[in-house]
N, C-alpha and C. Protein backbone atom coordinates (compact mmCIF):
# COMPACT_ATOMS: atom_id res chain seq x y z
N SER A 1 0.84 -1.19 0.00
CA SER A 1 0.00 0.00 0.00
C SER A 1 0.88 1.24 0.00
N GLN A 2 0.37 2.31 -0.60
CA GLN A 2 1.05 3.60 -0.55
C GLN A 2 0.36 4.46 0.50
N SER A 3 1.15 5.22 1.26
CA SER A 3 0.57 6.00 2.35
C SER A 3 1.23 7.37 2.43
N SER A 4 0.39 8.39 2.71
CA SER A 4 0.91 9.74 2.86
C SER A 4 1.20 10.07 4.33
N ARG A 5 1.23 9.06 5.18
CA ARG A 5 1.58 9.25 6.59
C ARG A 5 2.21 7.97 7.12
N PRO A 6 2.93 8.04 8.24
CA PRO A 6 3.48 6.82 8.85
C PRO A 6 2.36 5.93 9.39
N LEU A 7 2.71 4.70 9.68
CA LEU A 7 1.76 3.79 10.31
C LEU A 7 1.39 4.28 11.71
N LYS A 8 0.13 4.09 12.07
CA LYS A 8 -0.30 4.41 13.43
C LYS A 8 -0.01 3.21 14.34
N GLU A 9 0.13 3.50 15.63
CA GLU A 9 0.37 2.43 16.60
C GLU A 9 -0.77 1.41 16.58
N GLU A 10 -2.02 1.89 16.43
CA GLU A 10 -3.14 0.96 16.42
C GLU A 10 -3.16 0.09 15.17
N GLU A 11 -2.62 0.61 14.07
CA GLU A 11 -2.53 -0.19 12.84
C GLU A 11 -1.47 -1.27 12.99
N ILE A 12 -0.35 -0.91 13.62
CA ILE A 12 0.71 -1.90 13.87
C ILE A 12 0.17 -2.99 14.79
N ALA A 13 -0.58 -2.58 15.82
CA ALA A 13 -1.14 -3.55 16.77
C ALA A 13 -2.19 -4.43 16.11
N LYS A 14 -3.01 -3.86 15.25
CA LYS A 14 -4.05 -4.62 14.56
C LYS A 14 -3.42 -5.67 13.65
N ALA A 15 -2.35 -5.28 12.96
CA ALA A 15 -1.65 -6.23 12.10
C ALA A 15 -1.02 -7.34 12.93
N ALA A 16 -0.41 -6.96 14.08
CA ALA A 16 0.22 -7.96 14.95
C ALA A 16 -0.80 -8.96 15.47
N ALA A 17 -2.03 -8.49 15.76
CA ALA A 17 -3.08 -9.39 16.24
C ALA A 17 -3.48 -10.41 15.18
N GLN A 18 -3.19 -10.08 13.91
CA GLN A 18 -3.47 -11.00 12.81
C GLN A 18 -2.21 -11.78 12.39
N GLY A 19 -1.18 -11.67 13.21
CA GLY A 19 0.04 -12.42 12.93
C GLY A 19 0.94 -11.78 11.89
N MET A 20 0.77 -10.47 11.65
CA MET A 20 1.59 -9.78 10.64
C MET A 20 2.42 -8.68 11.27
N LYS A 21 3.59 -8.46 10.71
CA LYS A 21 4.40 -7.31 11.06
C LYS A 21 4.50 -6.42 9.83
N LEU A 22 4.23 -5.13 9.98
CA LEU A 22 4.25 -4.20 8.86
C LEU A 22 5.47 -3.28 8.95
N THR A 23 5.93 -2.85 7.78
CA THR A 23 7.02 -1.89 7.74
C THR A 23 6.64 -0.76 6.81
N ALA A 24 7.05 0.46 7.14
CA ALA A 24 6.80 1.64 6.33
C ALA A 24 8.12 2.11 5.74
N ILE A 25 8.24 2.02 4.42
CA ILE A 25 9.50 2.36 3.73
C ILE A 25 9.35 3.72 3.06
N PRO A 26 10.09 4.75 3.49
CA PRO A 26 9.97 6.07 2.86
C PRO A 26 10.53 6.05 1.44
N VAL A 27 9.79 6.67 0.51
CA VAL A 27 10.21 6.66 -0.90
C VAL A 27 10.21 8.05 -1.53
N ALA A 28 9.57 9.04 -0.91
CA ALA A 28 9.47 10.37 -1.52
C ALA A 28 9.19 11.41 -0.44
N ILE A 29 9.30 12.67 -0.84
CA ILE A 29 9.00 13.79 0.04
C ILE A 29 7.82 14.56 -0.56
N ASP A 30 6.93 14.96 0.31
CA ASP A 30 5.79 15.78 -0.08
C ASP A 30 5.65 16.88 0.96
N GLY A 31 4.81 17.82 0.69
CA GLY A 31 4.52 18.85 1.67
C GLY A 31 3.09 19.30 1.49
N LEU A 32 2.59 20.03 2.46
CA LEU A 32 1.26 20.62 2.33
C LEU A 32 1.40 22.05 1.86
N ALA A 33 0.57 22.43 0.91
CA ALA A 33 0.55 23.81 0.44
C ALA A 33 -0.79 24.44 0.80
N ILE A 34 -0.74 25.72 1.07
CA ILE A 34 -1.93 26.48 1.44
C ILE A 34 -2.38 27.29 0.24
N ALA A 35 -3.62 27.14 -0.16
CA ALA A 35 -4.18 27.87 -1.29
C ALA A 35 -5.08 28.99 -0.79
N VAL A 36 -4.90 30.19 -1.35
CA VAL A 36 -5.80 31.31 -1.08
C VAL A 36 -6.22 31.91 -2.42
N ASN A 37 -7.19 32.82 -2.36
CA ASN A 37 -7.65 33.50 -3.56
C ASN A 37 -6.54 34.42 -4.09
N PRO A 38 -6.28 34.44 -5.40
CA PRO A 38 -5.19 35.27 -5.92
C PRO A 38 -5.36 36.77 -5.65
N ARG A 39 -6.59 37.22 -5.38
CA ARG A 39 -6.83 38.65 -5.15
C ARG A 39 -6.72 39.03 -3.68
N LEU A 40 -6.39 38.06 -2.81
CA LEU A 40 -6.36 38.35 -1.38
C LEU A 40 -5.23 39.30 -1.00
N GLY A 41 -4.04 39.06 -1.54
CA GLY A 41 -2.94 40.00 -1.36
C GLY A 41 -2.27 40.01 0.00
N ILE A 42 -1.94 38.83 0.54
CA ILE A 42 -1.11 38.79 1.74
C ILE A 42 0.19 38.05 1.39
N PRO A 43 1.32 38.42 2.03
CA PRO A 43 2.61 37.85 1.64
C PRO A 43 2.82 36.42 2.11
N GLY A 44 2.15 36.02 3.19
CA GLY A 44 2.36 34.67 3.70
C GLY A 44 1.73 34.52 5.07
N LEU A 45 1.83 33.31 5.60
CA LEU A 45 1.34 33.00 6.94
C LEU A 45 2.37 32.16 7.67
N THR A 46 2.35 32.22 9.00
CA THR A 46 3.13 31.26 9.77
C THR A 46 2.29 29.99 9.95
N VAL A 47 2.96 28.91 10.27
CA VAL A 47 2.26 27.66 10.53
C VAL A 47 1.29 27.83 11.70
N GLN A 48 1.70 28.60 12.71
CA GLN A 48 0.82 28.84 13.86
C GLN A 48 -0.43 29.60 13.44
N GLN A 49 -0.28 30.56 12.54
CA GLN A 49 -1.45 31.31 12.07
C GLN A 49 -2.41 30.40 11.30
N VAL A 50 -1.85 29.48 10.51
CA VAL A 50 -2.69 28.51 9.80
C VAL A 50 -3.48 27.68 10.81
N ALA A 51 -2.78 27.21 11.85
CA ALA A 51 -3.44 26.43 12.90
C ALA A 51 -4.54 27.25 13.58
N ASP A 52 -4.26 28.51 13.87
CA ASP A 52 -5.24 29.36 14.54
C ASP A 52 -6.45 29.63 13.65
N ILE A 53 -6.24 29.69 12.34
CA ILE A 53 -7.36 29.87 11.41
C ILE A 53 -8.26 28.64 11.43
N TYR A 54 -7.65 27.46 11.39
CA TYR A 54 -8.44 26.23 11.29
C TYR A 54 -9.03 25.77 12.62
N THR A 55 -8.56 26.34 13.72
CA THR A 55 -9.19 26.02 15.01
C THR A 55 -10.14 27.13 15.46
N GLY A 56 -10.32 28.16 14.62
CA GLY A 56 -11.30 29.20 14.90
C GLY A 56 -10.81 30.34 15.75
N LYS A 57 -9.50 30.40 16.05
CA LYS A 57 -8.97 31.50 16.87
C LYS A 57 -8.79 32.78 16.05
N ILE A 58 -8.46 32.62 14.78
CA ILE A 58 -8.34 33.75 13.86
C ILE A 58 -9.46 33.62 12.83
N THR A 59 -10.28 34.65 12.71
CA THR A 59 -11.46 34.55 11.84
C THR A 59 -11.54 35.65 10.79
N ASN A 60 -10.62 36.62 10.84
CA ASN A 60 -10.63 37.73 9.89
C ASN A 60 -9.21 37.91 9.35
N TRP A 61 -9.10 38.14 8.04
CA TRP A 61 -7.77 38.30 7.43
C TRP A 61 -7.03 39.51 7.99
N GLN A 62 -7.76 40.48 8.53
CA GLN A 62 -7.13 41.66 9.13
C GLN A 62 -6.23 41.28 10.30
N GLN A 63 -6.54 40.16 10.95
CA GLN A 63 -5.74 39.71 12.11
C GLN A 63 -4.36 39.20 11.70
N VAL A 64 -4.17 38.93 10.40
CA VAL A 64 -2.86 38.44 9.92
C VAL A 64 -2.30 39.36 8.83
N GLY A 65 -2.69 40.65 8.90
CA GLY A 65 -2.12 41.63 7.99
C GLY A 65 -2.82 41.77 6.66
N GLY A 66 -3.99 41.18 6.53
CA GLY A 66 -4.75 41.26 5.28
C GLY A 66 -5.90 42.24 5.37
N PRO A 67 -6.83 42.18 4.42
CA PRO A 67 -7.98 43.09 4.44
C PRO A 67 -8.99 42.71 5.52
N ASN A 68 -9.89 43.62 5.80
CA ASN A 68 -10.97 43.37 6.75
C ASN A 68 -12.01 42.48 6.07
N LEU A 69 -11.78 41.18 6.19
CA LEU A 69 -12.56 40.20 5.43
C LEU A 69 -12.64 38.90 6.22
N THR A 70 -13.82 38.35 6.32
CA THR A 70 -14.01 37.09 7.04
C THR A 70 -13.24 35.96 6.35
N ILE A 71 -12.57 35.13 7.13
CA ILE A 71 -11.85 33.97 6.60
C ILE A 71 -12.83 32.80 6.48
N THR A 72 -12.81 32.15 5.32
CA THR A 72 -13.61 30.94 5.12
C THR A 72 -12.66 29.77 4.90
N PRO A 73 -12.35 29.00 5.96
CA PRO A 73 -11.44 27.87 5.80
C PRO A 73 -12.19 26.64 5.26
N PHE A 74 -11.63 26.03 4.24
CA PHE A 74 -12.20 24.81 3.66
C PHE A 74 -11.31 23.62 4.00
N SER A 75 -11.92 22.45 4.16
CA SER A 75 -11.16 21.22 4.42
C SER A 75 -11.97 20.02 3.98
N ARG A 76 -11.28 18.96 3.66
CA ARG A 76 -11.95 17.67 3.55
C ARG A 76 -12.23 17.16 4.96
N ARG A 77 -13.09 16.17 5.07
CA ARG A 77 -13.44 15.62 6.39
C ARG A 77 -12.26 14.84 6.97
N PRO A 78 -12.14 14.78 8.29
CA PRO A 78 -11.01 14.07 8.92
C PRO A 78 -10.87 12.61 8.48
N GLU A 79 -11.98 11.97 8.16
CA GLU A 79 -11.92 10.55 7.77
C GLU A 79 -11.61 10.36 6.28
N ASP A 80 -11.35 11.46 5.57
CA ASP A 80 -11.19 11.36 4.11
C ASP A 80 -9.79 11.00 3.64
N GLY A 81 -8.83 10.87 4.53
CA GLY A 81 -7.52 10.47 4.05
C GLY A 81 -6.38 10.91 4.93
N GLY A 82 -5.18 10.45 4.56
CA GLY A 82 -3.99 10.70 5.36
C GLY A 82 -3.58 12.16 5.42
N THR A 83 -3.86 12.93 4.36
CA THR A 83 -3.47 14.33 4.36
C THR A 83 -4.20 15.11 5.44
N VAL A 84 -5.50 14.85 5.58
CA VAL A 84 -6.28 15.55 6.61
C VAL A 84 -5.81 15.10 8.00
N GLU A 85 -5.57 13.81 8.17
CA GLU A 85 -5.07 13.29 9.45
C GLU A 85 -3.73 13.94 9.80
N TYR A 86 -2.86 14.03 8.81
CA TYR A 86 -1.54 14.65 9.03
C TYR A 86 -1.70 16.11 9.44
N PHE A 87 -2.59 16.83 8.76
CA PHE A 87 -2.81 18.25 9.06
C PHE A 87 -3.30 18.43 10.49
N ILE A 88 -4.25 17.61 10.90
CA ILE A 88 -4.80 17.71 12.26
C ILE A 88 -3.72 17.40 13.30
N GLN A 89 -2.94 16.38 13.03
CA GLN A 89 -1.93 15.96 14.01
C GLN A 89 -0.74 16.90 14.06
N GLU A 90 -0.17 17.22 12.89
CA GLU A 90 1.09 17.95 12.85
C GLU A 90 0.94 19.46 12.83
N VAL A 91 -0.12 19.97 12.21
CA VAL A 91 -0.30 21.42 12.13
C VAL A 91 -1.21 21.93 13.25
N LEU A 92 -2.31 21.23 13.49
CA LEU A 92 -3.25 21.66 14.53
C LEU A 92 -2.89 21.14 15.91
N GLY A 93 -1.88 20.26 15.98
CA GLY A 93 -1.51 19.70 17.28
C GLY A 93 -2.63 18.89 17.90
N LYS A 94 -3.39 18.18 17.05
CA LYS A 94 -4.52 17.33 17.44
C LYS A 94 -5.72 18.10 17.97
N GLN A 95 -5.73 19.43 17.79
CA GLN A 95 -6.91 20.20 18.15
C GLN A 95 -8.01 19.98 17.10
N PRO A 96 -9.27 20.06 17.50
CA PRO A 96 -10.35 19.88 16.53
C PRO A 96 -10.51 21.10 15.64
N PHE A 97 -11.10 20.89 14.49
CA PHE A 97 -11.43 22.01 13.61
C PHE A 97 -12.41 22.96 14.31
N GLY A 98 -12.28 24.25 13.98
CA GLY A 98 -13.25 25.22 14.45
C GLY A 98 -14.58 25.05 13.75
N ARG A 99 -15.61 25.62 14.34
CA ARG A 99 -16.95 25.48 13.77
C ARG A 99 -17.11 26.25 12.46
N ASN A 100 -16.16 27.12 12.16
CA ASN A 100 -16.23 27.91 10.92
C ASN A 100 -15.66 27.16 9.72
N VAL A 101 -15.08 25.98 9.93
CA VAL A 101 -14.48 25.23 8.82
C VAL A 101 -15.59 24.59 7.97
N VAL A 102 -15.52 24.84 6.67
CA VAL A 102 -16.51 24.32 5.72
C VAL A 102 -15.96 23.06 5.06
N MET A 103 -16.67 21.95 5.18
CA MET A 103 -16.21 20.69 4.60
C MET A 103 -16.52 20.62 3.11
N VAL A 104 -15.55 20.12 2.34
CA VAL A 104 -15.72 19.99 0.89
C VAL A 104 -15.59 18.53 0.49
N ARG A 105 -16.02 18.24 -0.73
CA ARG A 105 -16.04 16.86 -1.20
C ARG A 105 -14.64 16.30 -1.43
N ASP A 106 -13.80 17.09 -2.11
CA ASP A 106 -12.44 16.65 -2.44
C ASP A 106 -11.60 17.88 -2.73
N THR A 107 -10.34 17.66 -3.14
CA THR A 107 -9.44 18.79 -3.37
C THR A 107 -9.89 19.64 -4.55
N THR A 108 -10.41 19.03 -5.60
CA THR A 108 -10.92 19.82 -6.73
C THR A 108 -12.00 20.78 -6.25
N ASP A 109 -12.92 20.28 -5.44
CA ASP A 109 -13.99 21.10 -4.88
C ASP A 109 -13.41 22.20 -4.00
N GLY A 110 -12.43 21.86 -3.15
CA GLY A 110 -11.82 22.84 -2.27
C GLY A 110 -11.15 23.97 -3.03
N LEU A 111 -10.39 23.64 -4.07
CA LEU A 111 -9.70 24.66 -4.86
C LEU A 111 -10.68 25.54 -5.62
N ARG A 112 -11.75 24.94 -6.13
CA ARG A 112 -12.77 25.73 -6.82
C ARG A 112 -13.45 26.70 -5.86
N ARG A 113 -13.69 26.24 -4.64
CA ARG A 113 -14.32 27.12 -3.63
C ARG A 113 -13.40 28.31 -3.31
N VAL A 114 -12.11 28.05 -3.16
CA VAL A 114 -11.17 29.13 -2.86
C VAL A 114 -11.11 30.12 -4.03
N ALA A 115 -11.11 29.62 -5.25
CA ALA A 115 -11.07 30.49 -6.43
C ALA A 115 -12.30 31.39 -6.50
N ALA A 116 -13.42 30.92 -5.94
CA ALA A 116 -14.67 31.69 -5.99
C ALA A 116 -14.94 32.48 -4.71
N THR A 117 -14.07 32.35 -3.70
CA THR A 117 -14.31 32.98 -2.39
C THR A 117 -13.09 33.82 -2.02
N LEU A 118 -13.24 35.13 -2.01
CA LEU A 118 -12.10 36.02 -1.76
C LEU A 118 -11.43 35.71 -0.43
N GLY A 119 -12.22 35.36 0.59
CA GLY A 119 -11.65 35.08 1.91
C GLY A 119 -11.34 33.62 2.15
N GLY A 120 -11.38 32.79 1.10
CA GLY A 120 -11.21 31.35 1.26
C GLY A 120 -9.77 30.92 1.46
N ILE A 121 -9.60 29.76 2.10
CA ILE A 121 -8.29 29.14 2.30
C ILE A 121 -8.48 27.63 2.31
N TYR A 122 -7.51 26.91 1.76
CA TYR A 122 -7.60 25.45 1.67
C TYR A 122 -6.18 24.89 1.71
N TYR A 123 -6.03 23.67 2.19
CA TYR A 123 -4.72 23.02 2.23
C TYR A 123 -4.82 21.67 1.52
N ALA A 124 -3.72 21.26 0.91
CA ALA A 124 -3.68 19.95 0.24
C ALA A 124 -2.23 19.61 -0.04
N SER A 125 -2.03 18.41 -0.54
CA SER A 125 -0.70 18.00 -0.97
C SER A 125 -0.15 19.02 -1.97
N ALA A 126 1.09 19.43 -1.79
CA ALA A 126 1.66 20.52 -2.59
C ALA A 126 1.56 20.30 -4.11
N PRO A 127 1.82 19.09 -4.65
CA PRO A 127 1.69 18.93 -6.10
C PRO A 127 0.28 19.18 -6.62
N GLU A 128 -0.72 19.05 -5.76
CA GLU A 128 -2.10 19.30 -6.19
C GLU A 128 -2.44 20.79 -6.19
N VAL A 129 -1.60 21.62 -5.55
CA VAL A 129 -1.90 23.03 -5.38
C VAL A 129 -1.01 23.93 -6.22
N VAL A 130 0.29 23.67 -6.21
CA VAL A 130 1.27 24.63 -6.72
C VAL A 130 1.07 24.98 -8.19
N GLY A 131 0.71 24.03 -9.02
CA GLY A 131 0.58 24.29 -10.45
C GLY A 131 -0.77 24.80 -10.89
N GLN A 132 -1.69 25.03 -9.96
CA GLN A 132 -3.04 25.45 -10.32
C GLN A 132 -3.08 26.92 -10.75
N CYS A 133 -3.97 27.23 -11.69
CA CYS A 133 -4.04 28.58 -12.25
C CYS A 133 -5.01 29.50 -11.51
N SER A 134 -5.99 28.94 -10.81
CA SER A 134 -7.08 29.75 -10.27
C SER A 134 -6.89 30.16 -8.82
N ILE A 135 -5.80 29.71 -8.18
CA ILE A 135 -5.55 30.03 -6.77
C ILE A 135 -4.11 30.51 -6.61
N HIS A 136 -3.78 31.00 -5.41
CA HIS A 136 -2.41 31.41 -5.11
C HIS A 136 -1.84 30.50 -4.02
N PRO A 137 -0.75 29.75 -4.31
CA PRO A 137 -0.11 28.95 -3.26
C PRO A 137 0.69 29.89 -2.34
N LEU A 138 0.35 29.89 -1.09
CA LEU A 138 0.85 30.90 -0.17
C LEU A 138 2.19 30.50 0.46
N PRO A 139 3.19 31.40 0.48
CA PRO A 139 4.41 31.13 1.23
C PRO A 139 4.11 30.94 2.72
N LEU A 140 4.87 30.04 3.36
CA LEU A 140 4.69 29.75 4.78
C LEU A 140 6.00 29.94 5.52
N GLY A 141 5.89 30.21 6.82
CA GLY A 141 7.09 30.36 7.63
C GLY A 141 6.89 29.80 9.02
N ARG A 142 8.01 29.43 9.64
CA ARG A 142 7.95 29.04 11.05
C ARG A 142 7.87 30.27 11.94
N GLN A 143 8.43 31.39 11.43
CA GLN A 143 8.41 32.66 12.14
C GLN A 143 7.83 33.74 11.21
N PRO A 144 7.27 34.81 11.78
CA PRO A 144 6.73 35.89 10.94
C PRO A 144 7.81 36.47 10.02
N ASN A 145 7.42 36.78 8.80
CA ASN A 145 8.31 37.41 7.80
C ASN A 145 9.50 36.54 7.41
N GLN A 146 9.41 35.24 7.67
CA GLN A 146 10.43 34.30 7.19
C GLN A 146 9.74 33.26 6.30
N TYR A 147 8.99 33.77 5.33
CA TYR A 147 8.15 32.91 4.52
C TYR A 147 8.94 32.23 3.40
N VAL A 148 8.64 30.96 3.20
CA VAL A 148 9.28 30.17 2.13
C VAL A 148 8.18 29.74 1.17
N PRO A 149 8.29 30.06 -0.12
CA PRO A 149 7.24 29.68 -1.05
C PRO A 149 7.31 28.19 -1.39
N PRO A 150 6.15 27.54 -1.60
CA PRO A 150 6.18 26.14 -2.03
C PRO A 150 6.49 25.99 -3.51
N TYR A 151 6.63 27.13 -4.20
CA TYR A 151 6.91 27.16 -5.64
C TYR A 151 8.29 27.76 -5.88
N GLN A 152 8.84 27.47 -7.06
CA GLN A 152 10.11 28.05 -7.45
C GLN A 152 9.90 29.50 -7.87
N GLU A 153 10.76 30.37 -7.39
CA GLU A 153 10.67 31.78 -7.80
C GLU A 153 11.41 31.99 -9.11
N PRO A 154 11.00 32.94 -9.96
CA PRO A 154 9.94 33.91 -9.72
C PRO A 154 8.54 33.29 -9.86
N TYR A 155 7.60 33.85 -9.11
CA TYR A 155 6.22 33.38 -9.12
C TYR A 155 5.56 33.62 -10.47
N VAL A 156 4.83 32.63 -10.95
CA VAL A 156 4.08 32.77 -12.20
C VAL A 156 2.66 33.19 -11.85
N PRO A 157 2.24 34.42 -12.22
CA PRO A 157 0.89 34.87 -11.87
C PRO A 157 -0.18 34.16 -12.70
N PRO A 158 -1.42 34.16 -12.21
CA PRO A 158 -2.49 33.46 -12.94
C PRO A 158 -2.66 33.90 -14.39
N ALA A 159 -2.34 35.16 -14.69
CA ALA A 159 -2.52 35.67 -16.06
C ALA A 159 -1.62 34.95 -17.06
N ARG A 160 -0.50 34.36 -16.58
CA ARG A 160 0.42 33.66 -17.47
C ARG A 160 0.20 32.15 -17.49
N CYS A 161 -0.81 31.70 -16.75
CA CYS A 161 -1.13 30.28 -16.62
C CYS A 161 -2.34 29.99 -17.51
N PRO A 162 -2.42 28.87 -18.24
CA PRO A 162 -1.60 27.66 -18.11
C PRO A 162 -0.41 27.56 -19.06
N GLN A 163 -0.14 28.64 -19.85
CA GLN A 163 1.04 28.57 -20.73
C GLN A 163 2.31 28.34 -19.92
N GLN A 164 2.34 28.94 -18.74
CA GLN A 164 3.40 28.68 -17.76
C GLN A 164 2.73 28.30 -16.45
N ARG A 165 3.34 27.40 -15.72
CA ARG A 165 2.80 27.00 -14.41
C ARG A 165 3.90 27.07 -13.36
N ASN A 166 3.51 27.35 -12.15
CA ASN A 166 4.46 27.30 -11.04
C ASN A 166 4.93 25.87 -10.83
N GLN A 167 6.19 25.72 -10.46
CA GLN A 167 6.81 24.42 -10.21
C GLN A 167 7.15 24.29 -8.73
N LEU A 168 7.15 23.05 -8.24
CA LEU A 168 7.48 22.82 -6.83
C LEU A 168 8.88 23.33 -6.47
N ASN A 169 8.99 23.85 -5.27
CA ASN A 169 10.27 24.32 -4.74
C ASN A 169 11.02 23.10 -4.15
N HIS A 170 11.57 22.27 -5.04
CA HIS A 170 12.16 21.01 -4.62
C HIS A 170 13.23 21.19 -3.54
N ARG A 171 14.07 22.19 -3.73
CA ARG A 171 15.18 22.37 -2.79
C ARG A 171 14.69 22.65 -1.37
N ALA A 172 13.68 23.52 -1.25
CA ALA A 172 13.15 23.86 0.07
C ALA A 172 12.53 22.65 0.74
N PHE A 173 11.91 21.77 -0.06
CA PHE A 173 11.31 20.56 0.50
C PHE A 173 12.40 19.59 0.96
N GLN A 174 13.42 19.42 0.14
CA GLN A 174 14.49 18.48 0.49
C GLN A 174 15.29 18.97 1.68
N GLU A 175 15.56 20.27 1.74
CA GLU A 175 16.37 20.82 2.83
C GLU A 175 15.56 21.04 4.11
N GLY A 176 14.24 21.00 4.00
CA GLY A 176 13.40 21.18 5.18
C GLY A 176 13.19 22.63 5.56
N THR A 177 13.55 23.59 4.67
CA THR A 177 13.31 25.00 4.98
C THR A 177 11.84 25.35 4.81
N TYR A 178 11.14 24.62 3.91
CA TYR A 178 9.69 24.79 3.84
C TYR A 178 9.10 24.09 5.04
N PRO A 179 8.21 24.76 5.80
CA PRO A 179 7.89 24.26 7.15
C PRO A 179 6.93 23.08 7.26
N ILE A 180 6.18 22.74 6.22
CA ILE A 180 5.26 21.60 6.36
C ILE A 180 5.60 20.55 5.29
N THR A 181 6.55 19.70 5.63
CA THR A 181 6.93 18.61 4.73
C THR A 181 6.70 17.28 5.42
N ARG A 182 6.61 16.25 4.62
CA ARG A 182 6.38 14.90 5.15
C ARG A 182 6.96 13.90 4.17
N ARG A 183 7.15 12.69 4.65
CA ARG A 183 7.60 11.61 3.78
C ARG A 183 6.40 10.80 3.31
N LEU A 184 6.53 10.23 2.12
CA LEU A 184 5.53 9.31 1.58
C LEU A 184 6.10 7.90 1.64
N PHE A 185 5.24 6.93 1.92
CA PHE A 185 5.71 5.58 2.25
C PHE A 185 5.08 4.51 1.37
N VAL A 186 5.80 3.42 1.26
CA VAL A 186 5.23 2.15 0.82
C VAL A 186 5.10 1.29 2.07
N ILE A 187 3.89 0.78 2.32
CA ILE A 187 3.64 -0.10 3.47
C ILE A 187 3.67 -1.54 2.98
N ALA A 188 4.49 -2.36 3.61
CA ALA A 188 4.62 -3.76 3.19
C ALA A 188 4.68 -4.67 4.40
N LYS A 189 4.35 -5.92 4.17
CA LYS A 189 4.54 -6.92 5.22
C LYS A 189 6.03 -7.14 5.42
N GLU A 190 6.39 -7.51 6.65
CA GLU A 190 7.79 -7.75 6.97
C GLU A 190 7.95 -9.22 7.37
N ASP A 191 7.94 -10.06 6.34
CA ASP A 191 8.17 -11.50 6.55
C ASP A 191 8.72 -12.07 5.24
N ASN A 192 8.67 -13.37 5.08
CA ASN A 192 9.22 -13.98 3.86
C ASN A 192 8.14 -14.36 2.85
N SER A 193 6.93 -13.84 3.02
CA SER A 193 5.85 -14.17 2.10
C SER A 193 6.06 -13.51 0.75
N LEU A 194 5.31 -13.99 -0.24
CA LEU A 194 5.37 -13.40 -1.58
C LEU A 194 4.88 -11.96 -1.55
N ASP A 195 3.85 -11.69 -0.74
CA ASP A 195 3.34 -10.33 -0.58
C ASP A 195 4.44 -9.39 -0.09
N ALA A 196 5.18 -9.86 0.90
CA ALA A 196 6.24 -9.04 1.48
C ALA A 196 7.35 -8.79 0.46
N GLN A 197 7.71 -9.81 -0.29
CA GLN A 197 8.74 -9.65 -1.33
C GLN A 197 8.30 -8.64 -2.39
N ALA A 198 7.02 -8.73 -2.76
CA ALA A 198 6.50 -7.80 -3.77
C ALA A 198 6.52 -6.37 -3.24
N GLY A 199 6.13 -6.18 -1.99
CA GLY A 199 6.12 -4.85 -1.39
C GLY A 199 7.51 -4.24 -1.32
N ARG A 200 8.48 -5.06 -0.88
CA ARG A 200 9.86 -4.56 -0.79
C ARG A 200 10.42 -4.26 -2.18
N ALA A 201 10.09 -5.11 -3.15
CA ALA A 201 10.58 -4.90 -4.52
C ALA A 201 10.02 -3.60 -5.10
N TYR A 202 8.75 -3.33 -4.80
CA TYR A 202 8.14 -2.10 -5.30
C TYR A 202 8.82 -0.88 -4.68
N ALA A 203 9.06 -0.91 -3.37
CA ALA A 203 9.74 0.20 -2.70
C ALA A 203 11.16 0.38 -3.25
N GLU A 204 11.85 -0.73 -3.44
CA GLU A 204 13.22 -0.66 -3.97
C GLU A 204 13.23 -0.08 -5.37
N LEU A 205 12.21 -0.42 -6.18
CA LEU A 205 12.09 0.14 -7.53
C LEU A 205 11.95 1.66 -7.46
N LEU A 206 11.10 2.14 -6.55
CA LEU A 206 10.88 3.58 -6.42
C LEU A 206 12.11 4.31 -5.90
N LEU A 207 13.02 3.59 -5.26
CA LEU A 207 14.24 4.20 -4.72
C LEU A 207 15.42 4.15 -5.68
N THR A 208 15.24 3.50 -6.84
CA THR A 208 16.28 3.55 -7.87
C THR A 208 16.29 4.93 -8.52
N ASP A 209 17.33 5.20 -9.31
CA ASP A 209 17.40 6.48 -10.03
C ASP A 209 16.18 6.67 -10.93
N GLN A 210 15.78 5.60 -11.62
CA GLN A 210 14.61 5.67 -12.50
C GLN A 210 13.33 5.90 -11.70
N GLY A 211 13.22 5.22 -10.57
CA GLY A 211 12.04 5.38 -9.73
C GLY A 211 11.93 6.77 -9.15
N GLN A 212 13.06 7.32 -8.70
CA GLN A 212 13.05 8.68 -8.16
C GLN A 212 12.74 9.71 -9.24
N ALA A 213 13.20 9.44 -10.47
CA ALA A 213 12.87 10.32 -11.60
C ALA A 213 11.37 10.27 -11.88
N ALA A 214 10.77 9.08 -11.78
CA ALA A 214 9.33 8.93 -12.01
C ALA A 214 8.55 9.66 -10.92
N ILE A 215 9.02 9.58 -9.68
CA ILE A 215 8.38 10.29 -8.57
C ILE A 215 8.41 11.80 -8.82
N GLU A 216 9.53 12.29 -9.29
CA GLU A 216 9.65 13.72 -9.59
C GLU A 216 8.73 14.11 -10.74
N LYS A 217 8.65 13.26 -11.74
CA LYS A 217 7.77 13.53 -12.89
C LYS A 217 6.31 13.56 -12.47
N ALA A 218 5.97 12.75 -11.46
CA ALA A 218 4.60 12.72 -10.94
C ALA A 218 4.28 13.94 -10.08
N GLY A 219 5.28 14.79 -9.81
CA GLY A 219 5.03 16.03 -9.09
C GLY A 219 5.50 16.04 -7.66
N PHE A 220 6.08 14.93 -7.19
CA PHE A 220 6.59 14.88 -5.81
C PHE A 220 8.08 15.19 -5.79
N VAL A 221 8.69 15.10 -4.63
CA VAL A 221 10.09 15.47 -4.46
C VAL A 221 10.91 14.23 -4.16
N ARG A 222 12.06 14.12 -4.81
CA ARG A 222 12.95 12.99 -4.60
C ARG A 222 13.35 12.88 -3.14
N LEU A 223 13.42 11.65 -2.66
CA LEU A 223 13.97 11.43 -1.33
C LEU A 223 15.48 11.59 -1.36
N ARG A 224 16.07 11.28 -2.50
CA ARG A 224 17.54 11.43 -2.64
C ARG A 224 17.90 11.91 -4.05
């Protein structure tokens, strides 16, 4: 299986109860990107500000240096996948979403909502956000005014898209200067079964030069 988060302790325990041992083999680097409306006009956010927006502590863009405008945070539901689980655990510190968070069907729906909502904000896997023409991928920082863009500079504005598209900031993801990065995994059995051999072989394939090139072509960041 492919996973956008590490194995949970309960998953390891559940597998052990069935007589299986699982291993998570890292094969690529990904990050979360924050999408806002291109007309919003703010330079960036800190990770803490993102957390405060999604837990309902910050509700107006004026509180983070933007216009006097209500923030409309969009998200997929917590049970919809590893990206949402990762966001809740690593960005929100396991705090629940605020009551102002609007749930969307999927990332396509979330990005469309942000494009149509001046005060909208949405998060997703960086390759799903950075190259989009209708939204602005927002620079993020661990500290105020130390923002790192998820895209390679110079920024390509929407008017030049789709003839040109923004590309992932691979170096910032690999070096860890971009503040919300994660590893992507292949989950395999850890025994001598045929299933386990197939899982390990698949992970090893993705870790070859050709596999890493394919990962990069798919929009993710090389592990090496």
